[in-house]
Amino acid sequence: MNDSHHNESVLIVGAGIIGIACAHYLSGAGFKVTVIDRGTIAGACSYGNCGYICPSHILPLTEPGAIRKAIASFFNPVAAFRVKPRWSPAFWNWMWQFAKRCNHRQLLVAGAHLKTLLDSSMTEFQQLMTEQSLDCEWQNSGLLYVLQTTSGMRDFARTERLLSEHFGVAARRLEGEELPDFDPALRTGLAGAFYFEDDACVRPDRLAAAWTQKLESDGVTFVENCAMESLEKTGANVSLLKTSRGTLQADHFVIAAGAWSTKLAGHFGCRIPIEPGKGYSVTMQRPESCPHYPMLLPEHHVGVTPFKEGYRLGSMMEFVGFNASIPDRKIQQLRESATPYLVEPFTEVIQETWYGWRPMTWDSLPIIGRVPRLENAYLATGHNMLGMSLATATGKLIAEILQRQTPHIDADAFSPARF
């Protein structure tokens, strides 16, 4: 433990996986850390996702064709990638900025930045699991992308070739007849799959619980049901936060509030152009024929994750604002989408249904760095669909930037100043 900052305090707003990771690295640097959350610890987007730690997931959402899919979804309420038009100037500006970046050149630029962050994060995760022995069902089992049709295999082969040629990330190709032996939970008759062996998986709620418990034992304070309401500044410094549970002071402030970060932008005098991208999951009792490998089903946009005591299907990207409903048809859609691929795609014993708002930026890159025009406030948000995967590298970067150290990777592309 570094005690060089033992007299300095940090207040983190947001106790999702990003806030927890920031607390880990800042506490390790010797800061006295308090983490507050408007809800419960890791109770929002960090809770019910599929738990992938996936350095293979380099390509951003801003890909050629994404806008065409978005426009088509206006007329298709069951689209896996869906945009619901609404009257909001901020939303339409976000969509315009997003559309401008949906081209091959921007895809490669954003992908290069994401790869650097993803690789760093995997290294940090491996070290975390070795040193902390967190009880969170960590699996170094890779990630299997399963395709139903020959056209799906052909399309994904182009994606895999792009990943290999531009980013050095290659997959093992499996033909359809190989799949039942590779994972007996897969149906016969599928076209094939691509296996990214270096990916990992975790049960996200257990990671958050185990990591939080360890941090609390190291002196980090977590305060639930504590919403930030306003702040006070002294010159170019934030001096205190006013919350639903009273006034809190600190030397440094980190905003890691996920999709809710955009609602705090006015207080900090900066732009945080994030739109909530809603996703769903259903967690069930394990089927008799349960997959051995975590899987993505790209043609149906569904993720499949086996846990020791459960089985999860997760999917969808809906731009519908801060909608908090879980329609039965969405859960049924998840079940039906997995049916063509798996011998036993679902069970009737549902343990939990869930939704979360992913913090989506218009360039598919997270926002990590100091708030412009403020000396002691920092942003760690906007991680799109990769919050779990990018958590550790983000926490390390925030600790380095806050201490005015040279970051271990180039962080300029993630700076809040780019907006």
Protein backbone atom coordinates (compact mmCIF):
# COMPACT_ATOMS: atom_id res chain seq x y z
CA MET A 1 0.00 0.00 0.00
CA ASN A 2 1.35 3.40 -1.02
CA ASP A 3 0.74 5.91 1.78
CA SER A 4 2.06 8.99 -0.02
CA HIS A 5 -1.49 10.34 -0.30
CA HIS A 6 -2.79 9.25 3.10
CA ASN A 7 -3.91 12.80 3.92
CA GLU A 8 -5.84 13.26 0.65
CA SER A 9 -9.39 12.11 0.04
CA VAL A 10 -11.31 11.13 -3.09
CA LEU A 11 -15.08 11.03 -3.45
CA ILE A 12 -16.36 8.78 -6.25
CA VAL A 13 -19.91 9.28 -7.54
CA GLY A 14 -21.15 5.93 -8.81
CA ALA A 15 -20.64 2.46 -7.34
CA GLY A 16 -20.85 0.43 -10.52
CA ILE A 17 -17.94 -1.65 -11.72
CA ILE A 18 -16.11 1.47 -12.97
CA GLY A 19 -16.47 3.26 -9.64
CA ILE A 20 -15.33 0.14 -7.80
CA ALA A 21 -12.28 -0.17 -10.06
CA CYS A 22 -11.39 3.49 -9.54
CA ALA A 23 -11.68 2.95 -5.77
CA HIS A 24 -9.32 -0.03 -6.02
CA TYR A 25 -6.51 1.85 -7.74
CA LEU A 26 -6.93 5.09 -5.79
CA SER A 27 -7.00 3.25 -2.49
CA GLY A 28 -3.92 1.34 -3.58
CA ALA A 29 -2.19 4.67 -4.22
CA GLY A 30 -2.86 5.71 -0.63
CA PHE A 31 -5.94 7.94 -0.97
CA LYS A 32 -8.81 7.84 1.50
CA VAL A 33 -11.70 6.83 -0.75
CA THR A 34 -15.46 7.16 -0.36
CA VAL A 35 -17.87 5.84 -3.02
CA ILE A 36 -21.49 6.98 -3.13
CA ASP A 37 -24.35 5.76 -5.31
CA ARG A 38 -27.90 6.93 -5.88
CA GLY A 39 -28.96 3.26 -5.65
CA THR A 40 -27.15 0.18 -4.46
CA ILE A 41 -23.59 -1.01 -5.06
CA ALA A 42 -23.31 -2.31 -8.65
CA GLY A 43 -27.09 -2.44 -8.79
CA ALA A 44 -27.54 -0.92 -12.25
CA CYS A 45 -25.77 -1.71 -15.55
CA SER A 46 -22.97 -3.57 -13.73
CA TYR A 47 -25.39 -6.12 -12.28
CA GLY A 48 -27.17 -8.28 -14.86
CA ASN A 49 -24.95 -8.17 -17.94
CA CYS A 50 -23.37 -11.25 -19.49
CA GLY A 51 -20.06 -10.76 -17.69
CA TYR A 52 -17.72 -10.91 -20.67
CA ILE A 53 -14.15 -9.69 -20.30
CA CYS A 54 -13.50 -9.62 -24.01
CA PRO A 55 -10.36 -8.17 -25.61
CA SER A 56 -11.75 -9.53 -28.89
CA HIS A 57 -14.59 -6.97 -28.80
CA ILE A 58 -12.52 -4.28 -30.49
CA LEU A 59 -14.88 -3.03 -33.18
CA PRO A 60 -17.05 -0.09 -32.08
CA LEU A 61 -20.79 0.35 -32.55
CA THR A 62 -19.97 3.11 -35.07
CA GLU A 63 -19.60 0.67 -37.93
CA PRO A 64 -20.65 1.15 -41.56
CA GLY A 65 -24.32 0.25 -41.83
CA ALA A 66 -25.23 1.06 -38.23
CA ILE A 67 -27.32 4.08 -39.22
CA ARG A 68 -29.19 2.05 -41.83
CA LYS A 69 -30.08 -0.47 -39.10
CA ALA A 70 -31.11 2.36 -36.77
CA ILE A 71 -33.47 3.90 -39.32
CA ALA A 72 -34.98 0.51 -40.16
CA SER A 73 -35.64 -0.03 -36.45
CA PHE A 74 -37.98 2.99 -36.38
CA PHE A 75 -40.56 0.63 -37.90
CA ASN A 76 -39.59 -2.57 -36.08
CA PRO A 77 -40.34 -2.61 -32.34
CA VAL A 78 -38.70 -6.04 -31.93
CA ALA A 79 -35.37 -5.08 -33.55
CA ALA A 80 -32.37 -6.10 -31.41
CA PHE A 81 -30.79 -2.74 -32.26
CA ARG A 82 -33.62 -0.24 -31.94
CA VAL A 83 -33.93 3.55 -31.96
CA LYS A 84 -37.23 5.02 -30.82
CA PRO A 85 -37.55 8.58 -32.19
CA ARG A 86 -38.36 11.16 -29.52
CA TRP A 87 -38.33 14.92 -29.22
CA SER A 88 -34.98 15.74 -27.69
CA PRO A 89 -32.45 18.09 -29.32
CA ALA A 90 -29.64 16.43 -27.34
CA PHE A 91 -30.69 13.01 -28.63
CA TRP A 92 -30.82 14.08 -32.28
CA ASN A 93 -27.46 15.82 -31.98
CA TRP A 94 -26.07 12.60 -30.50
CA MET A 95 -27.50 10.61 -33.40
CA TRP A 96 -26.05 13.06 -35.93
CA GLN A 97 -22.61 12.88 -34.35
CA PHE A 98 -22.88 9.08 -34.22
CA ALA A 99 -23.91 8.91 -37.89
CA LYS A 100 -20.90 10.98 -38.98
CA ARG A 101 -18.60 8.36 -37.45
CA CYS A 102 -20.19 5.28 -39.01
CA ASN A 103 -17.50 4.71 -41.61
CA HIS A 104 -14.57 2.36 -42.09
CA ARG A 105 -11.86 4.90 -41.25
CA GLN A 106 -13.44 5.88 -37.94
CA LEU A 107 -14.06 2.22 -37.14
CA LEU A 108 -10.33 1.51 -37.41
CA VAL A 109 -9.35 4.60 -35.43
CA ALA A 110 -11.76 3.89 -32.57
CA GLY A 111 -10.88 0.19 -32.67
CA ALA A 112 -7.18 0.95 -32.22
CA HIS A 113 -7.87 3.03 -29.12
CA LEU A 114 -10.23 0.41 -27.70
CA LYS A 115 -7.71 -2.37 -28.28
CA THR A 116 -5.08 -0.56 -26.22
CA LEU A 117 -7.52 -0.13 -23.36
CA LEU A 118 -8.92 -3.67 -23.63
CA ASP A 119 -5.46 -5.25 -23.60
CA SER A 120 -4.43 -3.21 -20.58
CA SER A 121 -7.61 -4.12 -18.78
CA MET A 122 -7.17 -7.85 -19.37
CA THR A 123 -3.62 -7.67 -18.00
CA GLU A 124 -4.92 -5.87 -14.93
CA PHE A 125 -7.79 -8.34 -14.47
CA GLN A 126 -5.42 -11.30 -14.62
CA GLN A 127 -3.25 -9.67 -11.97
CA LEU A 128 -6.30 -8.81 -9.85
CA MET A 129 -7.56 -12.38 -9.92
CA THR A 130 -4.12 -13.75 -9.06
CA GLU A 131 -3.48 -11.35 -6.19
CA GLN A 132 -6.97 -11.00 -4.68
CA SER A 133 -8.51 -14.44 -5.33
CA LEU A 134 -11.96 -12.86 -5.68
CA ASP A 135 -14.82 -15.37 -5.51
CA CYS A 136 -16.60 -14.36 -8.71
CA GLU A 137 -16.64 -17.37 -11.09
CA TRP A 138 -13.76 -16.07 -13.20
CA GLN A 139 -13.40 -18.26 -16.30
CA ASN A 140 -10.50 -18.12 -18.75
CA SER A 141 -12.56 -20.17 -21.17
CA GLY A 142 -12.66 -17.89 -24.20
CA LEU A 143 -15.73 -16.63 -26.07
CA LEU A 144 -17.51 -18.49 -28.85
CA TYR A 145 -19.27 -16.61 -31.66
CA VAL A 146 -21.83 -19.05 -33.11
CA LEU A 147 -23.38 -18.60 -36.56
CA GLN A 148 -26.58 -20.22 -37.75
CA THR A 149 -26.27 -19.65 -41.51
CA THR A 150 -23.59 -19.87 -44.19
CA SER A 151 -24.12 -16.19 -44.97
CA GLY A 152 -23.58 -15.43 -41.28
CA MET A 153 -20.32 -17.38 -41.37
CA ARG A 154 -19.24 -15.52 -44.48
CA ASP A 155 -20.01 -12.12 -42.94
CA PHE A 156 -18.29 -12.93 -39.65
CA ALA A 157 -15.28 -14.33 -41.51
CA ARG A 158 -14.82 -10.84 -42.97
CA THR A 159 -15.02 -9.39 -39.47
CA GLU A 160 -12.50 -11.90 -38.15
CA ARG A 161 -10.17 -11.15 -41.05
CA LEU A 162 -10.38 -7.42 -40.29
CA LEU A 163 -9.59 -8.10 -36.62
CA SER A 164 -6.66 -10.27 -37.56
CA GLU A 165 -5.17 -8.00 -40.23
CA HIS A 166 -5.59 -4.65 -38.46
CA PHE A 167 -5.41 -5.58 -34.77
CA GLY A 168 -3.63 -8.93 -34.57
CA VAL A 169 -6.62 -10.63 -32.93
CA ALA A 170 -7.40 -13.97 -34.55
CA ALA A 171 -10.00 -16.62 -33.85
CA ARG A 172 -10.09 -20.37 -34.35
CA ARG A 173 -12.67 -21.26 -36.99
CA LEU A 174 -14.98 -24.20 -36.26
CA GLU A 175 -17.19 -25.76 -38.92
CA GLY A 176 -20.75 -26.75 -38.16
CA GLU A 177 -20.09 -30.48 -37.87
CA GLU A 178 -17.45 -29.79 -35.20
CA LEU A 179 -19.73 -27.85 -32.87
CA PRO A 180 -21.63 -30.64 -31.05
CA ASP A 181 -18.31 -32.19 -30.02
CA PHE A 182 -16.84 -28.80 -29.08
CA ASP A 183 -19.85 -27.95 -26.90
CA PRO A 184 -22.63 -30.57 -26.68
CA ALA A 185 -25.17 -27.88 -25.77
CA LEU A 186 -25.10 -26.68 -29.40
CA ARG A 187 -27.58 -28.03 -31.92
CA THR A 188 -26.57 -29.95 -35.01
CA GLY A 189 -27.03 -28.20 -38.33
CA LEU A 190 -25.44 -24.88 -37.41
CA ALA A 191 -23.09 -23.27 -39.92
CA GLY A 192 -20.09 -22.89 -37.60
CA ALA A 193 -18.39 -20.65 -35.05
CA PHE A 194 -15.33 -18.54 -34.32
CA TYR A 195 -13.57 -19.13 -31.01
CA PHE A 196 -11.62 -16.28 -29.38
CA GLU A 197 -9.51 -18.19 -26.86
CA ASP A 198 -8.10 -15.19 -24.97
CA ASP A 199 -11.43 -13.83 -23.71
CA ALA A 200 -12.73 -14.46 -20.21
CA CYS A 201 -15.97 -14.33 -18.29
CA VAL A 202 -17.13 -13.49 -14.77
CA ARG A 203 -20.37 -13.44 -12.82
CA PRO A 204 -20.74 -9.65 -12.57
CA ASP A 205 -22.78 -9.41 -9.37
CA ARG A 206 -20.35 -11.66 -7.52
CA LEU A 207 -17.33 -9.77 -8.84
CA ALA A 208 -18.81 -6.52 -7.53
CA ALA A 209 -19.71 -8.05 -4.16
CA ALA A 210 -16.33 -9.74 -3.62
CA TRP A 211 -14.35 -6.72 -4.80
CA THR A 212 -16.37 -4.31 -2.66
CA GLN A 213 -15.92 -6.50 0.40
CA LYS A 214 -12.16 -6.54 -0.15
CA LEU A 215 -12.03 -2.76 -0.59
CA GLU A 216 -14.09 -2.18 2.54
CA SER A 217 -11.62 -4.30 4.48
CA ASP A 218 -8.89 -2.03 3.07
CA GLY A 219 -10.67 1.09 4.36
CA VAL A 220 -12.80 2.21 1.41
CA THR A 221 -16.23 3.55 2.42
CA PHE A 222 -19.33 2.79 0.35
CA VAL A 223 -22.55 4.76 0.85
CA GLU A 224 -25.71 3.53 -0.86
CA ASN A 225 -28.91 5.48 -1.60
CA CYS A 226 -26.89 8.69 -1.64
CA ALA A 227 -27.67 10.80 -4.71
CA MET A 228 -25.61 13.79 -5.75
CA GLU A 229 -27.84 16.88 -5.91
CA SER A 230 -25.46 19.82 -6.44
CA LEU A 231 -21.94 21.02 -5.75
CA GLU A 232 -20.02 24.06 -4.63
CA LYS A 233 -16.82 25.37 -6.21
CA THR A 234 -13.99 27.49 -4.98
CA GLY A 235 -12.27 28.93 -8.02
CA ALA A 236 -11.32 26.05 -10.31
CA ASN A 237 -11.86 23.43 -7.62
CA VAL A 238 -14.91 21.55 -6.46
CA SER A 239 -15.08 22.03 -2.70
CA LEU A 240 -18.06 19.87 -1.72
CA LEU A 241 -21.02 17.88 -2.94
CA LYS A 242 -24.54 18.24 -1.63
CA THR A 243 -26.24 14.86 -1.60
CA SER A 244 -29.53 13.36 -0.48
CA ARG A 245 -27.71 12.27 2.68
CA GLY A 246 -25.93 15.51 3.49
CA THR A 247 -22.83 17.44 2.49
CA LEU A 248 -19.64 15.59 1.58
CA GLN A 249 -16.19 17.11 1.18
CA ALA A 250 -13.07 15.73 -0.49
CA ASP A 251 -9.84 16.81 -2.13
CA HIS A 252 -10.69 15.11 -5.44
CA PHE A 253 -13.94 14.02 -7.14
CA VAL A 254 -14.50 11.26 -9.71
CA ILE A 255 -17.77 10.92 -11.62
CA ALA A 256 -18.37 7.28 -12.55
CA ALA A 257 -22.15 7.35 -12.76
CA GLY A 258 -22.61 5.52 -16.03
CA ALA A 259 -25.57 6.68 -18.11
CA TRP A 260 -26.63 9.02 -15.30
CA SER A 261 -23.40 10.99 -15.70
CA THR A 262 -24.99 13.09 -18.44
CA LYS A 263 -27.51 14.42 -15.91
CA LEU A 264 -24.62 15.74 -13.82
CA ALA A 265 -22.87 17.59 -16.66
CA GLY A 266 -24.44 20.97 -15.86
CA HIS A 267 -23.02 20.92 -12.35
CA PHE A 268 -19.49 20.45 -13.66
CA GLY A 269 -19.80 22.88 -16.55
CA CYS A 270 -18.81 20.34 -19.19
CA ARG A 271 -20.35 18.22 -21.91
CA ILE A 272 -21.04 14.56 -21.19
CA PRO A 273 -22.86 13.47 -24.36
CA ILE A 274 -24.11 10.06 -23.30
CA GLU A 275 -27.31 8.32 -24.37
CA PRO A 276 -28.67 5.35 -22.38
CA GLY A 277 -28.57 2.18 -24.49
CA LYS A 278 -31.01 -0.18 -22.82
CA GLY A 279 -30.26 -3.88 -22.60
CA TYR A 280 -32.06 -6.82 -21.02
CA SER A 281 -31.22 -10.19 -19.53
CA VAL A 282 -33.00 -13.17 -18.05
CA THR A 283 -31.26 -15.49 -15.59
CA MET A 284 -32.63 -19.00 -15.23
CA GLN A 285 -31.91 -22.28 -13.58
CA ARG A 286 -29.19 -24.15 -15.46
CA PRO A 287 -30.56 -26.46 -18.14
CA GLU A 288 -29.55 -30.12 -18.19
CA SER A 289 -27.66 -29.45 -21.41
CA CYS A 290 -25.92 -26.25 -20.34
CA PRO A 291 -23.26 -24.62 -22.54
CA HIS A 292 -19.70 -25.02 -21.40
CA TYR A 293 -18.52 -21.85 -23.13
CA PRO A 294 -19.91 -18.33 -22.94
CA MET A 295 -21.30 -17.51 -26.38
CA LEU A 296 -22.42 -14.69 -28.61
CA LEU A 297 -24.99 -15.35 -31.33
CA PRO A 298 -24.31 -12.45 -33.73
CA GLU A 299 -27.15 -13.14 -36.15
CA HIS A 300 -29.68 -12.84 -33.31
CA HIS A 301 -27.66 -10.40 -31.14
CA VAL A 302 -27.86 -12.60 -28.04
CA GLY A 303 -25.28 -13.43 -25.39
CA VAL A 304 -25.30 -16.73 -23.49
CA THR A 305 -23.45 -17.15 -20.20
CA PRO A 306 -23.35 -20.31 -18.08
CA PHE A 307 -22.84 -19.78 -14.34
CA LYS A 308 -22.29 -22.32 -11.59
CA GLU A 309 -25.79 -21.74 -10.24
CA GLY A 310 -27.57 -20.19 -13.20
CA TYR A 311 -27.75 -19.51 -16.88
CA ARG A 312 -28.15 -16.08 -18.50
CA LEU A 313 -29.40 -14.80 -21.85
CA GLY A 314 -28.74 -11.13 -22.53
CA SER A 315 -29.17 -8.83 -25.48
CA MET A 316 -30.54 -5.77 -27.22
CA MET A 317 -29.54 -2.18 -27.68
CA GLU A 318 -32.51 0.15 -27.39
CA PHE A 319 -32.28 3.92 -27.55
CA VAL A 320 -35.53 4.64 -25.74
CA GLY A 321 -34.38 7.15 -23.13
CA PHE A 322 -34.46 6.30 -19.44
CA ASN A 323 -37.27 3.79 -19.84
CA ALA A 324 -37.44 1.53 -16.77
CA SER A 325 -39.84 -1.20 -17.92
CA ILE A 326 -39.13 -4.89 -18.61
CA PRO A 327 -41.79 -5.94 -21.13
CA ASP A 328 -42.59 -9.67 -21.11
CA ARG A 329 -42.15 -9.71 -24.89
CA LYS A 330 -38.49 -8.72 -24.51
CA ILE A 331 -37.79 -11.67 -22.23
CA GLN A 332 -39.66 -13.97 -24.59
CA GLN A 333 -37.64 -12.52 -27.48
CA LEU A 334 -34.42 -13.47 -25.70
CA ARG A 335 -35.62 -17.04 -25.22
CA GLU A 336 -36.79 -17.40 -28.80
CA SER A 337 -33.56 -15.93 -30.18
CA ALA A 338 -31.48 -18.63 -28.51
CA THR A 339 -33.72 -21.48 -29.69
CA PRO A 340 -32.09 -22.12 -33.11
CA TYR A 341 -28.68 -22.64 -31.51
CA LEU A 342 -29.06 -24.64 -28.31
CA VAL A 343 -30.35 -28.09 -27.46
CA GLU A 344 -32.01 -26.64 -24.36
CA PRO A 345 -32.16 -22.87 -24.92
CA PHE A 346 -34.04 -22.00 -21.73
CA THR A 347 -35.62 -23.43 -18.61
CA GLU A 348 -38.92 -22.51 -17.01
CA VAL A 349 -37.41 -21.63 -13.62
CA ILE A 350 -36.59 -17.93 -13.97
CA GLN A 351 -34.35 -16.56 -11.24
CA GLU A 352 -34.35 -12.93 -12.37
CA THR A 353 -35.20 -10.56 -15.20
CA TRP A 354 -33.18 -7.37 -15.58
CA TYR A 355 -32.55 -4.25 -17.63
CA GLY A 356 -29.68 -1.79 -17.62
CA TRP A 357 -28.80 1.50 -19.32
CA ARG A 358 -25.43 1.30 -21.03
CA PRO A 359 -23.64 4.68 -21.19
CA MET A 360 -23.26 5.17 -24.96
CA THR A 361 -20.99 7.85 -26.43
CA TRP A 362 -21.29 8.94 -30.04
CA ASP A 363 -17.73 7.87 -30.91
CA SER A 364 -17.89 4.52 -29.03
CA LEU A 365 -15.00 5.57 -26.77
CA PRO A 366 -15.20 6.00 -22.99
CA ILE A 367 -14.71 9.34 -21.26
CA ILE A 368 -11.70 9.17 -18.94
CA GLY A 369 -9.82 12.17 -17.63
CA ARG A 370 -9.95 15.54 -15.90
CA VAL A 371 -13.00 17.75 -16.32
CA PRO A 372 -12.08 20.77 -18.45
CA ARG A 373 -11.69 23.99 -16.44
CA LEU A 374 -11.69 22.14 -13.11
CA GLU A 375 -8.54 21.08 -11.28
CA ASN A 376 -9.87 18.33 -9.02
CA ALA A 377 -12.78 16.68 -10.84
CA TYR A 378 -12.50 13.69 -13.17
CA LEU A 379 -14.78 11.64 -15.41
CA ALA A 380 -14.76 7.85 -15.73
CA THR A 381 -17.87 7.05 -17.73
CA GLY A 382 -19.24 6.38 -21.22
CA HIS A 383 -18.00 2.81 -21.53
CA ASN A 384 -20.74 1.81 -23.97
CA MET A 385 -21.13 -2.00 -23.93
CA LEU A 386 -17.68 -2.65 -22.45
CA GLY A 387 -17.87 -1.48 -18.84
CA MET A 388 -16.89 -4.86 -17.39
CA SER A 389 -14.10 -5.35 -19.91
CA LEU A 390 -12.63 -1.85 -19.49
CA ALA A 391 -13.03 -1.41 -15.74
CA THR A 392 -9.53 -2.18 -14.51
CA ALA A 393 -7.67 -0.12 -17.13
CA THR A 394 -10.03 2.79 -16.45
CA GLY A 395 -9.40 2.64 -12.72
CA LYS A 396 -5.65 2.56 -13.30
CA LEU A 397 -5.82 5.51 -15.71
CA ILE A 398 -7.89 7.62 -13.31
CA ALA A 399 -5.40 6.99 -10.50
CA GLU A 400 -2.50 7.98 -12.78
CA ILE A 401 -4.20 11.09 -14.19
CA LEU A 402 -5.35 12.26 -10.77
CA GLN A 403 -1.77 11.98 -9.48
CA ARG A 404 -0.46 13.84 -12.57
CA GLN A 405 1.57 10.81 -13.57
CA THR A 406 2.30 9.79 -17.15
CA PRO A 407 -0.47 7.31 -18.01
CA HIS A 408 0.57 3.74 -18.77
CA ILE A 409 -1.24 4.05 -22.13
CA ASP A 410 -2.05 7.07 -24.28
CA ALA A 411 -5.30 8.43 -22.84
CA ASP A 412 -5.78 11.49 -25.09
CA ALA A 413 -8.49 9.80 -27.19
CA PHE A 414 -10.62 9.33 -24.07
CA SER A 415 -10.28 12.88 -22.76
CA PRO A 416 -13.46 14.79 -21.79
CA ALA A 417 -11.94 17.77 -23.65
CA ARG A 418 -12.73 16.13 -27.01
CA PHE A 419 -16.34 17.31 -26.71
